[in-house]
PDB file of all heavy atoms in Angstrom:
ATOM      1  N   LEU A   1     -65.609  46.236   8.729  1.00  0.00           N
ATOM      2  CA  LEU A   1     -65.744  45.030   7.920  1.00  0.00           C
ATOM      3  C   LEU A   1     -64.380  44.722   7.321  1.00  0.00           C
ATOM      4  O   LEU A   1     -63.770  45.600   6.686  1.00  0.00           O
ATOM      5  CB  LEU A   1     -66.772  45.244   6.818  1.00  0.00           C
ATOM      6  CG  LEU A   1     -66.855  44.173   5.718  1.00  0.00           C
ATOM      7  CD1 LEU A   1     -67.304  42.840   6.303  1.00  0.00           C
ATOM      8  CD2 LEU A   1     -67.797  44.639   4.612  1.00  0.00           C
ATOM      9  N   VAL A   2     -63.891  43.513   7.506  1.00  0.00           N
ATOM     10  CA  VAL A   2     -62.573  43.137   7.017  1.00  0.00           C
ATOM     11  C   VAL A   2     -62.630  41.729   6.452  1.00  0.00           C
ATOM     12  O   VAL A   2     -63.444  40.907   6.900  1.00  0.00           O
ATOM     13  CB  VAL A   2     -61.521  43.250   8.145  1.00  0.00           C
ATOM     14  CG1 VAL A   2     -61.823  42.276   9.270  1.00  0.00           C
ATOM     15  CG2 VAL A   2     -60.120  43.083   7.627  1.00  0.00           C
ATOM     16  N   GLN A   3     -61.782  41.446   5.479  1.00  0.00           N
ATOM     17  CA  GLN A   3     -61.741  40.111   4.883  1.00  0.00           C
ATOM     18  C   GLN A   3     -61.004  39.136   5.790  1.00  0.00           C
ATOM     19  O   GLN A   3     -60.145  39.538   6.588  1.00  0.00           O
ATOM     20  CB  GLN A   3     -61.060  40.171   3.522  1.00  0.00           C
ATOM     21  CG  GLN A   3     -61.858  40.925   2.475  1.00  0.00           C
ATOM     22  CD  GLN A   3     -61.251  40.810   1.096  1.00  0.00           C
ATOM     23  OE1 GLN A   3     -60.084  40.421   0.933  1.00  0.00           O
ATOM     24  NE2 GLN A   3     -62.018  41.144   0.076  1.00  0.00           N
ATOM     25  N   PRO A   4     -61.309  37.863   5.674  1.00  0.00           N
ATOM     26  CA  PRO A   4     -60.546  36.863   6.445  1.00  0.00           C
ATOM     27  C   PRO A   4     -59.051  36.999   6.181  1.00  0.00           C
ATOM     28  O   PRO A   4     -58.624  37.215   5.045  1.00  0.00           O
ATOM     29  CB  PRO A   4     -61.087  35.536   5.907  1.00  0.00           C
ATOM     30  CG  PRO A   4     -62.474  35.849   5.462  1.00  0.00           C
ATOM     31  CD  PRO A   4     -62.408  37.241   4.905  1.00  0.00           C
ATOM     32  N   GLY A   5     -58.279  36.901   7.253  1.00  0.00           N
ATOM     33  CA  GLY A   5     -56.839  37.083   7.160  1.00  0.00           C
ATOM     34  C   GLY A   5     -56.393  38.510   7.375  1.00  0.00           C
ATOM     35  O   GLY A   5     -55.186  38.777   7.503  1.00  0.00           O
ATOM     36  N   GLY A   6     -57.343  39.420   7.426  1.00  0.00           N
ATOM     37  CA  GLY A   6     -57.017  40.830   7.612  1.00  0.00           C
ATOM     38  C   GLY A   6     -56.762  41.198   9.064  1.00  0.00           C
ATOM     39  O   GLY A   6     -56.778  40.341   9.951  1.00  0.00           O
ATOM     40  N   SER A   7     -56.533  42.490   9.280  1.00  0.00           N
ATOM     41  CA  SER A   7     -56.204  42.996  10.607  1.00  0.00           C
ATOM     42  C   SER A   7     -57.061  44.213  10.946  1.00  0.00           C
ATOM     43  O   SER A   7     -57.495  44.952  10.055  1.00  0.00           O
ATOM     44  CB  SER A   7     -54.738  43.409  10.679  1.00  0.00           C
ATOM     45  OG  SER A   7     -53.885  42.308  10.461  1.00  0.00           O
ATOM     46  N   LEU A   8     -57.278  44.394  12.223  1.00  0.00           N
ATOM     47  CA  LEU A   8     -57.928  45.590  12.760  1.00  0.00           C
ATOM     48  C   LEU A   8     -57.279  45.923  14.086  1.00  0.00           C
ATOM     49  O   LEU A   8     -56.765  45.034  14.785  1.00  0.00           O
ATOM     50  CB  LEU A   8     -59.425  45.360  12.984  1.00  0.00           C
ATOM     51  CG  LEU A   8     -60.370  45.364  11.787  1.00  0.00           C
ATOM     52  CD1 LEU A   8     -61.776  45.004  12.253  1.00  0.00           C
ATOM     53  CD2 LEU A   8     -60.371  46.701  11.076  1.00  0.00           C
ATOM     54  N   LYS A   9     -57.331  47.207  14.438  1.00  0.00           N
ATOM     55  CA  LYS A   9     -56.849  47.636  15.751  1.00  0.00           C
ATOM     56  C   LYS A   9     -57.979  48.376  16.443  1.00  0.00           C
ATOM     57  O   LYS A   9     -58.420  49.434  15.973  1.00  0.00           O
ATOM     58  CB  LYS A   9     -55.619  48.530  15.624  1.00  0.00           C
ATOM     59  CG  LYS A   9     -54.978  48.864  16.970  1.00  0.00           C
ATOM     60  CD  LYS A   9     -53.683  49.632  16.782  1.00  0.00           C
ATOM     61  CE  LYS A   9     -52.983  49.871  18.107  1.00  0.00           C
ATOM     62  NZ  LYS A   9     -51.680  50.571  17.935  1.00  0.00           N
ATOM     63  N   LEU A  10     -58.462  47.824  17.521  1.00  0.00           N
ATOM     64  CA  LEU A  10     -59.511  48.465  18.303  1.00  0.00           C
ATOM     65  C   LEU A  10     -58.898  49.343  19.384  1.00  0.00           C
ATOM     66  O   LEU A  10     -57.840  49.020  19.927  1.00  0.00           O
ATOM     67  CB  LEU A  10     -60.405  47.411  18.962  1.00  0.00           C
ATOM     68  CG  LEU A  10     -61.045  46.378  18.039  1.00  0.00           C
ATOM     69  CD1 LEU A  10     -61.970  45.468  18.850  1.00  0.00           C
ATOM     70  CD2 LEU A  10     -61.790  47.026  16.897  1.00  0.00           C
ATOM     71  N   SER A  11     -59.570  50.440  19.682  1.00  0.00           N
ATOM     72  CA  SER A  11     -59.147  51.346  20.742  1.00  0.00           C
ATOM     73  C   SER A  11     -60.248  51.481  21.776  1.00  0.00           C
ATOM     74  O   SER A  11     -61.431  51.461  21.437  1.00  0.00           O
ATOM     75  CB  SER A  11     -58.819  52.731  20.170  1.00  0.00           C
ATOM     76  OG  SER A  11     -57.780  52.661  19.233  1.00  0.00           O
ATOM     77  N   CYS A  12     -59.842  51.636  23.016  1.00  0.00           N
ATOM     78  CA  CYS A  12     -60.766  51.876  24.122  1.00  0.00           C
ATOM     79  C   CYS A  12     -60.219  53.056  24.910  1.00  0.00           C
ATOM     80  O   CYS A  12     -59.182  52.936  25.561  1.00  0.00           O
ATOM     81  CB  CYS A  12     -60.854  50.636  25.002  1.00  0.00           C
ATOM     82  SG  CYS A  12     -61.771  50.875  26.541  1.00  0.00           S
ATOM     83  N   THR A  13     -60.900  54.176  24.832  1.00  0.00           N
ATOM     84  CA  THR A  13     -60.439  55.400  25.486  1.00  0.00           C
ATOM     85  C   THR A  13     -61.363  55.751  26.635  1.00  0.00           C
ATOM     86  O   THR A  13     -62.586  55.744  26.484  1.00  0.00           O
ATOM     87  CB  THR A  13     -60.375  56.558  24.481  1.00  0.00           C
ATOM     88  OG1 THR A  13     -59.467  56.210  23.430  1.00  0.00           O
ATOM     89  CG2 THR A  13     -59.890  57.830  25.155  1.00  0.00           C
ATOM     90  N   ALA A  14     -60.755  56.064  27.766  1.00  0.00           N
ATOM     91  CA  ALA A  14     -61.518  56.411  28.957  1.00  0.00           C
ATOM     92  C   ALA A  14     -61.584  57.921  29.132  1.00  0.00           C
ATOM     93  O   ALA A  14     -60.645  58.640  28.796  1.00  0.00           O
ATOM     94  CB  ALA A  14     -60.893  55.771  30.178  1.00  0.00           C
ATOM     95  N   SER A  15     -62.685  58.364  29.674  1.00  0.00           N
ATOM     96  CA  SER A  15     -62.830  59.769  30.077  1.00  0.00           C
ATOM     97  C   SER A  15     -63.526  59.790  31.428  1.00  0.00           C
ATOM     98  O   SER A  15     -64.305  58.896  31.760  1.00  0.00           O
ATOM     99  CB  SER A  15     -63.624  60.563  29.041  1.00  0.00           C
ATOM    100  OG  SER A  15     -64.924  60.050  28.897  1.00  0.00           O
ATOM    101  N   GLY A  16     -63.192  60.803  32.215  1.00  0.00           N
ATOM    102  CA  GLY A  16     -63.788  60.912  33.543  1.00  0.00           C
ATOM    103  C   GLY A  16     -63.036  60.158  34.617  1.00  0.00           C
ATOM    104  O   GLY A  16     -63.362  60.294  35.798  1.00  0.00           O
ATOM    105  N   PHE A  17     -62.062  59.340  34.244  1.00  0.00           N
ATOM    106  CA  PHE A  17     -61.223  58.646  35.210  1.00  0.00           C
ATOM    107  C   PHE A  17     -59.951  58.194  34.495  1.00  0.00           C
ATOM    108  O   PHE A  17     -59.883  58.150  33.267  1.00  0.00           O
ATOM    109  CB  PHE A  17     -61.946  57.455  35.862  1.00  0.00           C
ATOM    110  CG  PHE A  17     -62.184  56.275  34.966  1.00  0.00           C
ATOM    111  CD1 PHE A  17     -61.553  55.068  35.198  1.00  0.00           C
ATOM    112  CD2 PHE A  17     -63.047  56.363  33.870  1.00  0.00           C
ATOM    113  CE1 PHE A  17     -61.784  53.968  34.393  1.00  0.00           C
ATOM    114  CE2 PHE A  17     -63.277  55.272  33.048  1.00  0.00           C
ATOM    115  CZ  PHE A  17     -62.648  54.055  33.310  1.00  0.00           C
ATOM    116  N   THR A  18     -58.945  57.855  35.315  1.00  0.00           N
ATOM    117  CA  THR A  18     -57.646  57.445  34.780  1.00  0.00           C
ATOM    118  C   THR A  18     -57.535  55.928  34.847  1.00  0.00           C
ATOM    119  O   THR A  18     -57.774  55.320  35.891  1.00  0.00           O
ATOM    120  CB  THR A  18     -56.508  58.091  35.597  1.00  0.00           C
ATOM    121  OG1 THR A  18     -56.654  59.515  35.526  1.00  0.00           O
ATOM    122  CG2 THR A  18     -55.151  57.699  35.027  1.00  0.00           C
ATOM    123  N   LEU A  19     -57.122  55.341  33.735  1.00  0.00           N
ATOM    124  CA  LEU A  19     -57.057  53.887  33.645  1.00  0.00           C
ATOM    125  C   LEU A  19     -55.845  53.251  34.315  1.00  0.00           C
ATOM    126  O   LEU A  19     -55.765  52.031  34.397  1.00  0.00           O
ATOM    127  CB  LEU A  19     -57.068  53.458  32.173  1.00  0.00           C
ATOM    128  CG  LEU A  19     -58.405  53.528  31.431  1.00  0.00           C
ATOM    129  CD1 LEU A  19     -58.204  53.183  29.965  1.00  0.00           C
ATOM    130  CD2 LEU A  19     -59.445  52.633  32.073  1.00  0.00           C
ATOM    131  N   ASP A  20     -54.913  54.081  34.770  1.00  0.00           N
ATOM    132  CA  ASP A  20     -53.631  53.550  35.261  1.00  0.00           C
ATOM    133  C   ASP A  20     -53.784  52.352  36.197  1.00  0.00           C
ATOM    134  O   ASP A  20     -53.090  51.356  36.060  1.00  0.00           O
ATOM    135  CB  ASP A  20     -52.851  54.648  35.985  1.00  0.00           C
ATOM    136  CG  ASP A  20     -52.301  55.674  35.039  1.00  0.00           C
ATOM    137  OD1 ASP A  20     -52.990  55.954  34.029  1.00  0.00           O
ATOM    138  OD2 ASP A  20     -51.211  56.207  35.291  1.00  0.00           O
ATOM    139  N   TYR A  21     -54.676  52.469  37.186  1.00  0.00           N
ATOM    140  CA  TYR A  21     -54.829  51.385  38.154  1.00  0.00           C
ATOM    141  C   TYR A  21     -56.146  50.625  37.960  1.00  0.00           C
ATOM    142  O   TYR A  21     -56.738  50.135  38.923  1.00  0.00           O
ATOM    143  CB  TYR A  21     -54.637  51.895  39.578  1.00  0.00           C
ATOM    144  CG  TYR A  21     -53.172  52.045  39.890  1.00  0.00           C
ATOM    145  CD1 TYR A  21     -52.530  53.275  39.775  1.00  0.00           C
ATOM    146  CD2 TYR A  21     -52.406  50.930  40.207  1.00  0.00           C
ATOM    147  CE1 TYR A  21     -51.177  53.382  40.008  1.00  0.00           C
ATOM    148  CE2 TYR A  21     -51.045  51.038  40.453  1.00  0.00           C
ATOM    149  CZ  TYR A  21     -50.434  52.268  40.352  1.00  0.00           C
ATOM    150  OH  TYR A  21     -49.090  52.373  40.571  1.00  0.00           O
ATOM    151  N   TYR A  22     -56.539  50.527  36.701  1.00  0.00           N
ATOM    152  CA  TYR A  22     -57.668  49.693  36.339  1.00  0.00           C
ATOM    153  C   TYR A  22     -57.196  48.588  35.412  1.00  0.00           C
ATOM    154  O   TYR A  22     -56.409  48.828  34.496  1.00  0.00           O
ATOM    155  CB  TYR A  22     -58.748  50.512  35.625  1.00  0.00           C
ATOM    156  CG  TYR A  22     -59.599  51.336  36.553  1.00  0.00           C
ATOM    157  CD1 TYR A  22     -59.098  52.497  37.125  1.00  0.00           C
ATOM    158  CD2 TYR A  22     -60.892  50.953  36.866  1.00  0.00           C
ATOM    159  CE1 TYR A  22     -59.869  53.243  37.997  1.00  0.00           C
ATOM    160  CE2 TYR A  22     -61.682  51.695  37.727  1.00  0.00           C
ATOM    161  CZ  TYR A  22     -61.161  52.844  38.292  1.00  0.00           C
ATOM    162  OH  TYR A  22     -61.931  53.583  39.143  1.00  0.00           O
ATOM    163  N   ALA A  23     -57.681  47.382  35.660  1.00  0.00           N
ATOM    164  CA  ALA A  23     -57.547  46.346  34.651  1.00  0.00           C
ATOM    165  C   ALA A  23     -58.545  46.657  33.540  1.00  0.00           C
ATOM    166  O   ALA A  23     -59.647  47.149  33.806  1.00  0.00           O
ATOM    167  CB  ALA A  23     -57.844  44.972  35.245  1.00  0.00           C
ATOM    168  N   VAL A  24     -58.155  46.395  32.321  1.00  0.00           N
ATOM    169  CA  VAL A  24     -59.027  46.643  31.180  1.00  0.00           C
ATOM    170  C   VAL A  24     -59.143  45.365  30.360  1.00  0.00           C
ATOM    171  O   VAL A  24     -58.146  44.695  30.084  1.00  0.00           O
ATOM    172  CB  VAL A  24     -58.496  47.788  30.307  1.00  0.00           C
ATOM    173  CG1 VAL A  24     -59.401  47.994  29.080  1.00  0.00           C
ATOM    174  CG2 VAL A  24     -58.416  49.073  31.121  1.00  0.00           C
ATOM    175  N   GLY A  25     -60.352  45.051  30.002  1.00  0.00           N
ATOM    176  CA  GLY A  25     -60.590  43.829  29.238  1.00  0.00           C
ATOM    177  C   GLY A  25     -61.363  44.094  27.971  1.00  0.00           C
ATOM    178  O   GLY A  25     -62.114  45.071  27.869  1.00  0.00           O
ATOM    179  N   TRP A  26     -61.152  43.215  27.019  1.00  0.00           N
ATOM    180  CA  TRP A  26     -61.951  43.193  25.797  1.00  0.00           C
ATOM    181  C   TRP A  26     -62.813  41.934  25.826  1.00  0.00           C
ATOM    182  O   TRP A  26     -62.302  40.825  26.082  1.00  0.00           O
ATOM    183  CB  TRP A  26     -61.066  43.179  24.552  1.00  0.00           C
ATOM    184  CG  TRP A  26     -60.421  44.499  24.267  1.00  0.00           C
ATOM    185  CD1 TRP A  26     -59.158  44.904  24.610  1.00  0.00           C
ATOM    186  CD2 TRP A  26     -61.013  45.604  23.566  1.00  0.00           C
ATOM    187  NE1 TRP A  26     -58.929  46.177  24.170  1.00  0.00           N
ATOM    188  CE2 TRP A  26     -60.051  46.631  23.522  1.00  0.00           C
ATOM    189  CE3 TRP A  26     -62.263  45.824  22.966  1.00  0.00           C
ATOM    190  CZ2 TRP A  26     -60.295  47.864  22.906  1.00  0.00           C
ATOM    191  CZ3 TRP A  26     -62.501  47.040  22.353  1.00  0.00           C
ATOM    192  CH2 TRP A  26     -61.527  48.038  22.331  1.00  0.00           C
ATOM    193  N   PHE A  27     -64.080  42.125  25.577  1.00  0.00           N
ATOM    194  CA  PHE A  27     -65.047  41.046  25.550  1.00  0.00           C
ATOM    195  C   PHE A  27     -65.812  41.140  24.236  1.00  0.00           C
ATOM    196  O   PHE A  27     -65.845  42.191  23.607  1.00  0.00           O
ATOM    197  CB  PHE A  27     -66.005  41.163  26.744  1.00  0.00           C
ATOM    198  CG  PHE A  27     -65.298  41.158  28.073  1.00  0.00           C
ATOM    199  CD1 PHE A  27     -64.731  42.323  28.583  1.00  0.00           C
ATOM    200  CD2 PHE A  27     -65.181  39.993  28.813  1.00  0.00           C
ATOM    201  CE1 PHE A  27     -64.062  42.318  29.807  1.00  0.00           C
ATOM    202  CE2 PHE A  27     -64.517  39.986  30.036  1.00  0.00           C
ATOM    203  CZ  PHE A  27     -63.953  41.148  30.529  1.00  0.00           C
ATOM    204  N   ARG A  28     -66.408  40.048  23.817  1.00  0.00           N
ATOM    205  CA  ARG A  28     -67.159  40.099  22.557  1.00  0.00           C
ATOM    206  C   ARG A  28     -68.431  39.264  22.669  1.00  0.00           C
ATOM    207  O   ARG A  28     -68.512  38.327  23.458  1.00  0.00           O
ATOM    208  CB  ARG A  28     -66.309  39.616  21.386  1.00  0.00           C
ATOM    209  CG  ARG A  28     -65.917  38.140  21.413  1.00  0.00           C
ATOM    210  CD  ARG A  28     -64.934  37.827  20.281  1.00  0.00           C
ATOM    211  NE  ARG A  28     -64.552  36.415  20.282  1.00  0.00           N
ATOM    212  CZ  ARG A  28     -63.617  35.905  19.485  1.00  0.00           C
ATOM    213  NH1 ARG A  28     -62.963  36.686  18.627  1.00  0.00           N
ATOM    214  NH2 ARG A  28     -63.337  34.606  19.530  1.00  0.00           N
ATOM    215  N   GLN A  29     -69.388  39.643  21.847  1.00  0.00           N
ATOM    216  CA  GLN A  29     -70.645  38.909  21.800  1.00  0.00           C
ATOM    217  C   GLN A  29     -71.103  38.803  20.357  1.00  0.00           C
ATOM    218  O   GLN A  29     -71.341  39.824  19.695  1.00  0.00           O
ATOM    219  CB  GLN A  29     -71.719  39.572  22.659  1.00  0.00           C
ATOM    220  CG  GLN A  29     -72.981  38.737  22.775  1.00  0.00           C
ATOM    221  CD  GLN A  29     -73.908  39.227  23.878  1.00  0.00           C
ATOM    222  OE1 GLN A  29     -73.825  40.362  24.334  1.00  0.00           O
ATOM    223  NE2 GLN A  29     -74.784  38.337  24.341  1.00  0.00           N
ATOM    224  N   ALA A  30     -71.211  37.571  19.894  1.00  0.00           N
ATOM    225  CA  ALA A  30     -71.706  37.301  18.548  1.00  0.00           C
ATOM    226  C   ALA A  30     -73.216  37.082  18.605  1.00  0.00           C
ATOM    227  O   ALA A  30     -73.752  36.718  19.658  1.00  0.00           O
ATOM    228  CB  ALA A  30     -71.010  36.073  17.973  1.00  0.00           C
ATOM    229  N   PRO A  31     -73.909  37.292  17.500  1.00  0.00           N
ATOM    230  CA  PRO A  31     -75.361  37.092  17.483  1.00  0.00           C
ATOM    231  C   PRO A  31     -75.748  35.693  17.950  1.00  0.00           C
ATOM    232  O   PRO A  31     -75.183  34.699  17.501  1.00  0.00           O
ATOM    233  CB  PRO A  31     -75.726  37.306  16.011  1.00  0.00           C
ATOM    234  CG  PRO A  31     -74.653  38.177  15.472  1.00  0.00           C
ATOM    235  CD  PRO A  31     -73.406  37.773  16.200  1.00  0.00           C
ATOM    236  N   GLY A  32     -76.664  35.635  18.895  1.00  0.00           N
ATOM    237  CA  GLY A  32     -77.154  34.355  19.380  1.00  0.00           C
ATOM    238  C   GLY A  32     -76.225  33.640  20.339  1.00  0.00           C
ATOM    239  O   GLY A  32     -76.503  32.496  20.736  1.00  0.00           O
ATOM    240  N   LYS A  33     -75.129  34.287  20.712  1.00  0.00           N
ATOM    241  CA  LYS A  33     -74.161  33.660  21.619  1.00  0.00           C
ATOM    242  C   LYS A  33     -73.995  34.501  22.878  1.00  0.00           C
ATOM    243  O   LYS A  33     -74.296  35.687  22.898  1.00  0.00           O
ATOM    244  CB  LYS A  33     -72.814  33.477  20.925  1.00  0.00           C
ATOM    245  CG  LYS A  33     -72.854  32.501  19.753  1.00  0.00           C
ATOM    246  CD  LYS A  33     -71.467  32.239  19.228  1.00  0.00           C
ATOM    247  CE  LYS A  33     -71.485  31.205  18.115  1.00  0.00           C
ATOM    248  NZ  LYS A  33     -70.117  30.919  17.610  1.00  0.00           N
ATOM    249  N   GLU A  34     -73.464  33.858  23.910  1.00  0.00           N
ATOM    250  CA  GLU A  34     -73.175  34.576  25.138  1.00  0.00           C
ATOM    251  C   GLU A  34     -71.909  35.415  24.983  1.00  0.00           C
ATOM    252  O   GLU A  34     -71.045  35.117  24.154  1.00  0.00           O
ATOM    253  CB  GLU A  34     -73.002  33.595  26.297  1.00  0.00           C
ATOM    254  CG  GLU A  34     -74.274  32.859  26.670  1.00  0.00           C
ATOM    255  CD  GLU A  34     -74.107  32.006  27.917  1.00  0.00           C
ATOM    256  OE1 GLU A  34     -72.970  31.918  28.417  1.00  0.00           O
ATOM    257  OE2 GLU A  34     -75.110  31.436  28.377  1.00  0.00           O
ATOM    258  N   ARG A  35     -71.838  36.452  25.790  1.00  0.00           N
ATOM    259  CA  ARG A  35     -70.620  37.258  25.816  1.00  0.00           C
ATOM    260  C   ARG A  35     -69.443  36.397  26.276  1.00  0.00           C
ATOM    261  O   ARG A  35     -69.591  35.583  27.182  1.00  0.00           O
ATOM    262  CB  ARG A  35     -70.803  38.428  26.776  1.00  0.00           C
ATOM    263  CG  ARG A  35     -69.640  39.415  26.796  1.00  0.00           C
ATOM    264  CD  ARG A  35     -69.887  40.476  27.853  1.00  0.00           C
ATOM    265  NE  ARG A  35     -69.816  39.907  29.201  1.00  0.00           N
ATOM    266  CZ  ARG A  35     -70.294  40.515  30.273  1.00  0.00           C
ATOM    267  NH1 ARG A  35     -70.912  41.675  30.162  1.00  0.00           N
ATOM    268  NH2 ARG A  35     -70.188  39.945  31.468  1.00  0.00           N
ATOM    269  N   GLU A  36     -68.293  36.587  25.646  1.00  0.00           N
ATOM    270  CA  GLU A  36     -67.094  35.853  26.051  1.00  0.00           C
ATOM    271  C   GLU A  36     -65.923  36.812  26.219  1.00  0.00           C
ATOM    272  O   GLU A  36     -65.860  37.856  25.583  1.00  0.00           O
ATOM    273  CB  GLU A  36     -66.743  34.774  25.016  1.00  0.00           C
ATOM    274  CG  GLU A  36     -66.370  35.306  23.649  1.00  0.00           C
ATOM    275  CD  GLU A  36     -65.884  34.213  22.701  1.00  0.00           C
ATOM    276  OE1 GLU A  36     -65.602  33.079  23.163  1.00  0.00           O
ATOM    277  OE2 GLU A  36     -65.774  34.486  21.503  1.00  0.00           O
ATOM    278  N   ARG A  37     -65.021  36.427  27.056  1.00  0.00           N
ATOM    279  CA  ARG A  37     -63.822  37.237  27.264  1.00  0.00           C
ATOM    280  C   ARG A  37     -62.852  36.987  26.123  1.00  0.00           C
ATOM    281  O   ARG A  37     -62.767  35.873  25.598  1.00  0.00           O
ATOM    282  CB  ARG A  37     -63.173  36.932  28.604  1.00  0.00           C
ATOM    283  CG  ARG A  37     -62.837  35.479  28.831  1.00  0.00           C
ATOM    284  CD  ARG A  37     -62.327  35.264  30.242  1.00  0.00           C
ATOM    285  NE  ARG A  37     -62.025  33.869  30.513  1.00  0.00           N
ATOM    286  CZ  ARG A  37     -61.527  33.418  31.655  1.00  0.00           C
ATOM    287  NH1 ARG A  37     -61.301  34.254  32.650  1.00  0.00           N
ATOM    288  NH2 ARG A  37     -61.284  32.139  31.816  1.00  0.00           N
ATOM    289  N   VAL A  38     -62.133  37.996  25.752  1.00  0.00           N
ATOM    290  CA  VAL A  38     -61.167  37.904  24.667  1.00  0.00           C
ATOM    291  C   VAL A  38     -59.751  38.092  25.202  1.00  0.00           C
ATOM    292  O   VAL A  38     -58.886  37.246  25.029  1.00  0.00           O
ATOM    293  CB  VAL A  38     -61.463  38.953  23.577  1.00  0.00           C
ATOM    294  CG1 VAL A  38     -60.404  38.909  22.469  1.00  0.00           C
ATOM    295  CG2 VAL A  38     -62.867  38.755  23.002  1.00  0.00           C
ATOM    296  N   SER A  39     -59.536  39.219  25.865  1.00  0.00           N
ATOM    297  CA  SER A  39     -58.205  39.536  26.368  1.00  0.00           C
ATOM    298  C   SER A  39     -58.323  40.590  27.451  1.00  0.00           C
ATOM    299  O   SER A  39     -59.200  41.449  27.389  1.00  0.00           O
ATOM    300  CB  SER A  39     -57.316  40.065  25.236  1.00  0.00           C
ATOM    301  OG  SER A  39     -56.027  40.390  25.703  1.00  0.00           O
ATOM    302  N   CYS A  40     -57.436  40.526  28.430  1.00  0.00           N
ATOM    303  CA  CYS A  40     -57.419  41.501  29.512  1.00  0.00           C
ATOM    304  C   CYS A  40     -55.992  41.872  29.844  1.00  0.00           C
ATOM    305  O   CYS A  40     -55.060  41.067  29.663  1.00  0.00           O
ATOM    306  CB  CYS A  40     -58.100  40.945  30.774  1.00  0.00           C
ATOM    307  SG  CYS A  40     -59.831  40.549  30.551  1.00  0.00           S
ATOM    308  N   ILE A  41     -55.820  43.087  30.345  1.00  0.00           N
ATOM    309  CA  ILE A  41     -54.511  43.555  30.771  1.00  0.00           C
ATOM    310  C   ILE A  41     -54.658  44.184  32.139  1.00  0.00           C
ATOM    311  O   ILE A  41     -55.603  44.945  32.389  1.00  0.00           O
ATOM    312  CB  ILE A  41     -53.898  44.531  29.745  1.00  0.00           C
ATOM    313  CG1 ILE A  41     -52.466  44.891  30.106  1.00  0.00           C
ATOM    314  CG2 ILE A  41     -54.757  45.784  29.574  1.00  0.00           C
ATOM    315  CD1 ILE A  41     -51.709  45.591  28.974  1.00  0.00           C
TER     316      ILE A  41
END
């Protein structure tokens, strides 16, 4: 929970495989809304 104007850093850690040759994306879903893409690398 953060106030408007604040910052957060999310982490995504993989286990069981190496991410080197995987594209990784962040997606989000708000209540009552469809999932949307946020950012990918």
